[in-house]
Amino acid sequence: MNRPSPHPTHAAAHPLHEREQVNEHEHEHQHQHQHQHDAGDQSEILDLDAEVLAEHIASITAWLPVRTSPSRVVDLGCGTGAGTLALLERFPEAEVTAVDVSDTHLHRLREKAVAAGAADRVRIVQADLDAPAWPALGTPDLVWASASLHHMAEPGRALRQVHDLLAPGGLFTVVELAGFPRFLPESAPEDAPGLEERCHAALDRHHAEHLSHRGADWGTELAKAGFTVEGERTLTVDIGPARTDAVGRYALTSLRRMRAGVASALTAEDLTALDRLLDTDGPHGIVHRTDLGVRTERTVWAARRT
């Protein structure tokens, strides 16, 4: 998923600034370390999302109202490659340019492409999509942006850039998520029923403050950018009790990331109950539950450059 890259500016070397320079370099190192940790942590959840929801991602690519099979595709904010690989499978003659700011994500995508025998059909581009100018991405027939637009500082500008990038008659597909999936029954956990819903409510408030474009009406925004919206679809995912451990790992990783955004908003009792769920060694850990499912929604817009 796309996030702006930091570009710190350092003071010129001077005895009066040596202390400030050291502090700046220390801060930069800490920031880079945290960015790498976050990217690695996010890579895991993106991989699990692709594994657990592969069937649903495939149903989105099958629904796309393409006129002819595209030969040139761009995946904007490609993450670890769920969309890239699904598009390669859906359009076997296509080549995909996969764009992301994270080197960690792109490295993982490259590994997946090699494992799938599709490395020669994937071009990897590391770029910050919030930058005023994008690198050369060719003239694609299809552009795909899944869960990336709401992270951008100026998504309206990105939509106009995509419009100008596409070949005439080309298709732009926007996929946005309803947020983290739900995994637990409403009556769970036993010591704090409804905990997951309270976590989601707290996270929604957090996102409202920090991700102002989440939940935007992308159909209206696409029309403003000059596109003709040809289709909109909301995909409801409701997977029953899990038969594989991937759902348990998906739930664990999702709730761990959610905890970082909601901890300060939870009561002490709820936070304790959440930490019990996240304890993989404890008997009440979420990975040991047999009643986990996956419930979420994804909305897709298909818009054409006419």
Protein backbone atom coordinates (compact mmCIF):
# COMPACT_ATOMS: atom_id res chain seq x y z
CA MET A 1 0.00 0.00 0.00
CA ASN A 2 1.28 3.57 -0.77
CA ARG A 3 2.76 5.75 1.94
CA PRO A 4 4.83 8.95 1.51
CA SER A 5 8.59 8.45 1.73
CA PRO A 6 10.49 10.67 4.19
CA HIS A 7 13.23 12.86 2.67
CA PRO A 8 15.01 14.53 5.64
CA THR A 9 17.15 17.61 5.00
CA HIS A 10 20.33 17.81 7.07
CA ALA A 11 22.17 20.95 8.18
CA ALA A 12 25.59 21.63 6.65
CA ALA A 13 28.53 20.41 8.73
CA HIS A 14 29.57 23.06 11.28
CA PRO A 15 30.89 22.77 14.86
CA LEU A 16 27.80 24.54 16.23
CA HIS A 17 25.54 22.00 14.53
CA GLU A 18 27.40 18.79 15.31
CA ARG A 19 25.08 17.86 18.18
CA GLU A 20 22.02 18.64 16.07
CA GLN A 21 23.43 16.55 13.19
CA VAL A 22 24.01 13.55 15.44
CA ASN A 23 20.48 13.83 16.79
CA GLU A 24 19.09 14.14 13.27
CA HIS A 25 20.93 11.04 12.08
CA GLU A 26 19.80 9.10 15.14
CA HIS A 27 16.20 10.18 14.51
CA GLU A 28 16.47 9.26 10.83
CA HIS A 29 17.89 5.82 11.71
CA GLN A 30 15.10 5.22 14.22
CA HIS A 31 12.49 6.35 11.69
CA GLN A 32 13.91 4.10 8.96
CA HIS A 33 14.06 1.15 11.37
CA GLN A 34 10.43 1.71 12.38
CA HIS A 35 9.40 2.08 8.70
CA GLN A 36 11.13 -1.21 7.85
CA HIS A 37 9.50 -2.93 10.85
CA ASP A 38 6.06 -1.58 9.90
CA ALA A 39 6.55 -2.62 6.27
CA GLY A 40 7.59 -6.12 7.30
CA ASP A 41 4.64 -6.40 9.66
CA GLN A 42 2.31 -5.13 6.95
CA SER A 43 3.78 -7.56 4.43
CA GLU A 44 2.59 -10.42 6.64
CA ILE A 45 -0.98 -9.18 6.80
CA LEU A 46 -1.04 -8.46 3.06
CA ASP A 47 0.18 -11.98 2.33
CA LEU A 48 -2.46 -13.47 4.63
CA ASP A 49 -5.16 -11.29 3.09
CA ALA A 50 -4.17 -12.60 -0.35
CA GLU A 51 -4.18 -16.22 0.87
CA VAL A 52 -7.47 -16.15 2.77
CA LEU A 53 -9.38 -14.00 0.26
CA ALA A 54 -7.86 -15.31 -3.00
CA GLU A 55 -11.23 -16.54 -4.26
CA HIS A 56 -12.84 -13.16 -3.65
CA ILE A 57 -10.01 -11.23 -5.32
CA ALA A 58 -10.36 -13.53 -8.34
CA SER A 59 -14.09 -12.79 -8.46
CA ILE A 60 -13.31 -9.06 -8.72
CA THR A 61 -10.90 -9.52 -11.63
CA ALA A 62 -13.44 -11.79 -13.35
CA TRP A 63 -16.11 -9.06 -13.02
CA LEU A 64 -14.06 -6.32 -14.70
CA PRO A 65 -15.88 -4.93 -17.78
CA VAL A 66 -12.88 -5.13 -20.11
CA ARG A 67 -13.62 -4.79 -23.85
CA THR A 68 -10.53 -6.71 -24.92
CA SER A 69 -7.96 -8.51 -22.83
CA PRO A 70 -5.42 -5.88 -21.72
CA SER A 71 -1.79 -6.35 -22.61
CA ARG A 72 -0.38 -3.55 -20.40
CA VAL A 73 -1.51 -3.29 -16.76
CA VAL A 74 -0.36 -1.04 -13.91
CA ASP A 75 -0.95 -1.94 -10.25
CA LEU A 76 -0.71 1.26 -8.17
CA GLY A 77 0.19 0.65 -4.52
CA CYS A 78 0.68 -3.03 -5.26
CA GLY A 79 1.73 -4.09 -1.75
CA THR A 80 3.06 -7.64 -1.77
CA GLY A 81 1.28 -8.49 -5.01
CA ALA A 82 -2.21 -9.88 -4.35
CA GLY A 83 -3.67 -7.80 -7.17
CA THR A 84 -0.65 -8.19 -9.44
CA LEU A 85 -0.77 -11.99 -9.33
CA ALA A 86 -4.55 -12.12 -9.67
CA LEU A 87 -4.35 -9.88 -12.75
CA LEU A 88 -1.57 -12.00 -14.27
CA GLU A 89 -3.76 -15.08 -13.86
CA ARG A 90 -6.88 -13.36 -15.19
CA PHE A 91 -5.08 -11.92 -18.23
CA PRO A 92 -2.43 -14.47 -19.27
CA GLU A 93 -1.10 -12.32 -22.13
CA ALA A 94 -0.66 -9.20 -19.99
CA GLU A 95 2.44 -7.68 -18.45
CA VAL A 96 2.00 -5.86 -15.14
CA THR A 97 3.96 -2.86 -13.87
CA ALA A 98 3.76 -3.07 -10.07
CA VAL A 99 4.32 0.22 -8.21
CA ASP A 100 4.83 0.71 -4.47
CA VAL A 101 6.88 2.90 -2.15
CA SER A 102 7.99 -0.01 0.06
CA ASP A 103 11.12 -1.91 -0.90
CA THR A 104 10.06 -4.65 1.53
CA HIS A 105 6.74 -5.12 -0.25
CA LEU A 106 8.34 -5.12 -3.68
CA HIS A 107 10.96 -7.67 -2.65
CA ARG A 108 8.18 -9.98 -1.46
CA LEU A 109 6.24 -9.43 -4.69
CA ARG A 110 9.33 -10.32 -6.72
CA GLU A 111 9.67 -13.59 -4.78
CA LYS A 112 6.02 -14.45 -5.45
CA ALA A 113 6.34 -13.68 -9.16
CA VAL A 114 9.37 -15.95 -9.42
CA ALA A 115 7.57 -18.73 -7.53
CA ALA A 116 4.60 -18.38 -9.90
CA GLY A 117 6.84 -18.54 -12.97
CA ALA A 118 5.73 -15.04 -13.96
CA ALA A 119 8.83 -12.95 -13.22
CA ASP A 120 9.25 -12.08 -16.90
CA ARG A 121 5.75 -10.57 -16.96
CA VAL A 122 6.24 -8.25 -13.98
CA ARG A 123 8.05 -4.92 -14.01
CA ILE A 124 8.69 -3.57 -10.52
CA VAL A 125 8.85 0.18 -9.90
CA GLN A 126 9.57 1.75 -6.51
CA ALA A 127 7.93 5.16 -6.36
CA ASP A 128 6.13 7.52 -4.01
CA LEU A 129 2.68 8.08 -5.52
CA ASP A 130 2.35 11.32 -3.55
CA ALA A 131 5.28 12.79 -5.50
CA PRO A 132 4.31 15.55 -7.97
CA ALA A 133 5.62 13.50 -10.91
CA TRP A 134 5.40 9.75 -11.36
CA PRO A 135 8.01 7.64 -13.14
CA ALA A 136 7.29 6.52 -16.69
CA LEU A 137 4.65 3.80 -16.51
CA GLY A 138 3.88 3.42 -20.20
CA THR A 139 0.36 3.66 -21.62
CA PRO A 140 -1.60 0.92 -19.87
CA ASP A 141 -4.94 -0.54 -20.95
CA LEU A 142 -5.85 -1.23 -17.31
CA VAL A 143 -4.86 0.46 -14.05
CA TRP A 144 -5.66 -1.25 -10.74
CA ALA A 145 -5.57 0.51 -7.34
CA SER A 146 -6.58 -1.61 -4.36
CA ALA A 147 -6.68 -0.08 -0.87
CA SER A 148 -4.17 2.57 -1.91
CA LEU A 149 -6.09 5.73 -2.83
CA HIS A 150 -7.21 6.54 0.71
CA HIS A 151 -3.56 6.62 1.83
CA MET A 152 -2.66 9.36 -0.65
CA ALA A 153 -2.35 12.98 0.40
CA GLU A 154 -4.11 14.21 -2.75
CA PRO A 155 -6.05 11.33 -4.31
CA GLY A 156 -7.86 13.72 -6.67
CA ARG A 157 -4.55 14.56 -8.29
CA ALA A 158 -3.70 10.85 -8.52
CA LEU A 159 -7.02 10.17 -10.27
CA ARG A 160 -6.24 12.84 -12.86
CA GLN A 161 -2.75 11.39 -13.36
CA VAL A 162 -4.25 7.96 -13.97
CA HIS A 163 -6.72 9.47 -16.45
CA ASP A 164 -3.88 10.99 -18.44
CA LEU A 165 -1.81 7.81 -18.15
CA LEU A 166 -4.43 5.39 -19.51
CA ALA A 167 -4.78 4.55 -23.16
CA PRO A 168 -8.01 5.95 -24.66
CA GLY A 169 -10.79 3.54 -23.75
CA GLY A 170 -8.66 2.10 -20.94
CA LEU A 171 -10.16 0.94 -17.66
CA PHE A 172 -9.35 2.11 -14.13
CA THR A 173 -10.34 -0.21 -11.29
CA VAL A 174 -10.52 1.10 -7.72
CA VAL A 175 -10.94 -1.36 -4.85
CA GLU A 176 -11.50 -0.07 -1.33
CA LEU A 177 -11.95 -1.99 1.90
CA ALA A 178 -14.51 -1.54 4.65
CA GLY A 179 -11.63 -1.75 7.14
CA PHE A 180 -10.15 -4.68 9.04
CA PRO A 181 -12.28 -7.82 8.80
CA ARG A 182 -14.26 -9.16 11.74
CA PHE A 183 -13.19 -12.59 12.97
CA LEU A 184 -14.96 -13.36 16.26
CA PRO A 185 -18.59 -14.23 16.97
CA GLU A 186 -20.49 -11.30 18.50
CA SER A 187 -20.64 -13.09 21.86
CA ALA A 188 -16.86 -13.49 22.03
CA PRO A 189 -14.57 -13.37 23.85
CA GLU A 190 -16.32 -14.80 26.86
CA ASP A 191 -14.79 -12.30 29.31
CA ALA A 192 -15.57 -9.24 27.10
CA PRO A 193 -18.44 -9.90 24.63
CA GLY A 194 -18.52 -7.42 21.76
CA LEU A 195 -14.84 -6.50 22.19
CA GLU A 196 -14.13 -6.66 18.47
CA GLU A 197 -16.91 -4.20 17.64
CA ARG A 198 -15.64 -1.77 20.28
CA CYS A 199 -12.14 -2.04 18.79
CA HIS A 200 -13.53 -1.31 15.31
CA ALA A 201 -15.47 1.72 16.59
CA ALA A 202 -12.31 3.09 18.22
CA LEU A 203 -10.28 2.44 15.07
CA ASP A 204 -12.91 4.19 12.91
CA ARG A 205 -12.51 7.28 15.10
CA HIS A 206 -8.73 7.04 14.77
CA HIS A 207 -8.98 6.75 10.97
CA ALA A 208 -11.38 9.70 10.79
CA GLU A 209 -8.62 11.82 12.33
CA HIS A 210 -5.66 10.42 10.37
CA LEU A 211 -7.04 9.02 7.08
CA SER A 212 -9.49 11.63 5.89
CA HIS A 213 -10.04 9.94 2.52
CA ARG A 214 -11.08 6.55 3.90
CA GLY A 215 -14.69 5.90 2.97
CA ALA A 216 -14.70 8.50 0.17
CA ASP A 217 -17.28 8.31 -2.62
CA TRP A 218 -14.83 7.23 -5.29
CA GLY A 219 -17.52 7.07 -7.95
CA THR A 220 -18.07 10.82 -7.63
CA GLU A 221 -14.33 11.49 -7.47
CA LEU A 222 -13.71 9.41 -10.59
CA ALA A 223 -16.35 11.37 -12.50
CA LYS A 224 -14.72 14.65 -11.38
CA ALA A 225 -11.42 13.39 -12.82
CA GLY A 226 -13.02 12.84 -16.22
CA PHE A 227 -13.82 9.12 -16.05
CA THR A 228 -17.07 7.43 -17.01
CA VAL A 229 -18.00 5.03 -14.21
CA GLU A 230 -19.25 1.85 -15.87
CA GLY A 231 -19.76 -0.33 -12.83
CA GLU A 232 -19.80 -0.41 -9.05
CA ARG A 233 -19.99 -3.54 -6.96
CA THR A 234 -19.83 -4.29 -3.24
CA LEU A 235 -18.44 -7.70 -2.47
CA THR A 236 -19.56 -9.18 0.85
CA VAL A 237 -17.18 -11.73 2.33
CA ASP A 238 -18.55 -14.13 4.94
CA ILE A 239 -16.33 -17.14 5.48
CA GLY A 240 -17.58 -19.58 8.10
CA PRO A 241 -15.52 -21.23 10.85
CA ALA A 242 -11.98 -21.65 9.56
CA ARG A 243 -10.62 -24.97 8.41
CA THR A 244 -7.03 -23.74 8.07
CA ASP A 245 -4.65 -21.97 10.43
CA ALA A 246 -4.28 -19.10 7.92
CA VAL A 247 -7.45 -17.46 9.28
CA GLY A 248 -6.09 -17.66 12.82
CA ARG A 249 -2.83 -16.02 11.75
CA TYR A 250 -4.80 -13.44 9.74
CA ALA A 251 -6.93 -12.62 12.80
CA LEU A 252 -3.87 -12.44 15.06
CA THR A 253 -1.94 -10.12 12.75
CA SER A 254 -4.98 -7.91 12.12
CA LEU A 255 -5.79 -7.51 15.81
CA ARG A 256 -2.16 -6.81 16.62
CA ARG A 257 -2.12 -3.95 14.13
CA MET A 258 -5.51 -2.77 15.34
CA ARG A 259 -4.28 -2.67 18.95
CA ALA A 260 -1.68 -0.04 18.07
CA GLY A 261 -4.44 2.36 16.99
CA VAL A 262 -7.04 1.66 19.68
CA ALA A 263 -5.16 0.89 22.90
CA SER A 264 -5.56 4.39 24.33
CA ALA A 265 -9.31 4.37 23.63
CA LEU A 266 -10.11 1.04 25.33
CA THR A 267 -10.98 0.46 28.95
CA ALA A 268 -8.44 -1.39 31.06
CA GLU A 269 -10.73 -4.43 31.06
CA ASP A 270 -11.05 -4.46 27.26
CA LEU A 271 -7.32 -3.99 26.77
CA THR A 272 -6.62 -6.91 29.10
CA ALA A 273 -9.11 -9.08 27.18
CA LEU A 274 -7.54 -8.05 23.87
CA ASP A 275 -4.07 -8.92 25.11
CA ARG A 276 -5.33 -12.36 26.16
CA LEU A 277 -6.52 -12.89 22.59
CA LEU A 278 -3.11 -11.83 21.26
CA ASP A 279 -1.20 -14.17 23.59
CA THR A 280 -0.25 -17.06 21.31
CA ASP A 281 0.98 -19.13 24.25
CA GLY A 282 -2.09 -18.67 26.41
CA PRO A 283 -5.14 -20.96 26.29
CA HIS A 284 -7.40 -18.06 25.28
CA GLY A 285 -5.26 -16.91 22.35
CA ILE A 286 -7.13 -16.21 19.15
CA VAL A 287 -5.00 -18.70 17.18
CA HIS A 288 -6.42 -21.51 19.33
CA ARG A 289 -10.08 -20.68 18.72
CA THR A 290 -12.18 -22.91 16.48
CA ASP A 291 -15.02 -20.43 15.95
CA LEU A 292 -13.18 -17.87 13.80
CA GLY A 293 -14.61 -16.62 10.53
CA VAL A 294 -13.89 -13.73 8.17
CA ARG A 295 -16.50 -11.03 7.59
CA THR A 296 -15.76 -7.94 5.54
CA GLU A 297 -16.77 -5.90 2.49
CA ARG A 298 -14.90 -4.55 -0.51
CA THR A 299 -16.31 -2.05 -2.97
CA VAL A 300 -15.09 -1.93 -6.56
CA TRP A 301 -15.48 0.85 -9.11
CA ALA A 302 -14.72 0.31 -12.82
CA ALA A 303 -14.22 3.58 -14.69
CA ARG A 304 -13.25 4.19 -18.28
CA ARG A 305 -11.24 6.90 -19.96
CA THR A 306 -13.58 7.77 -22.83
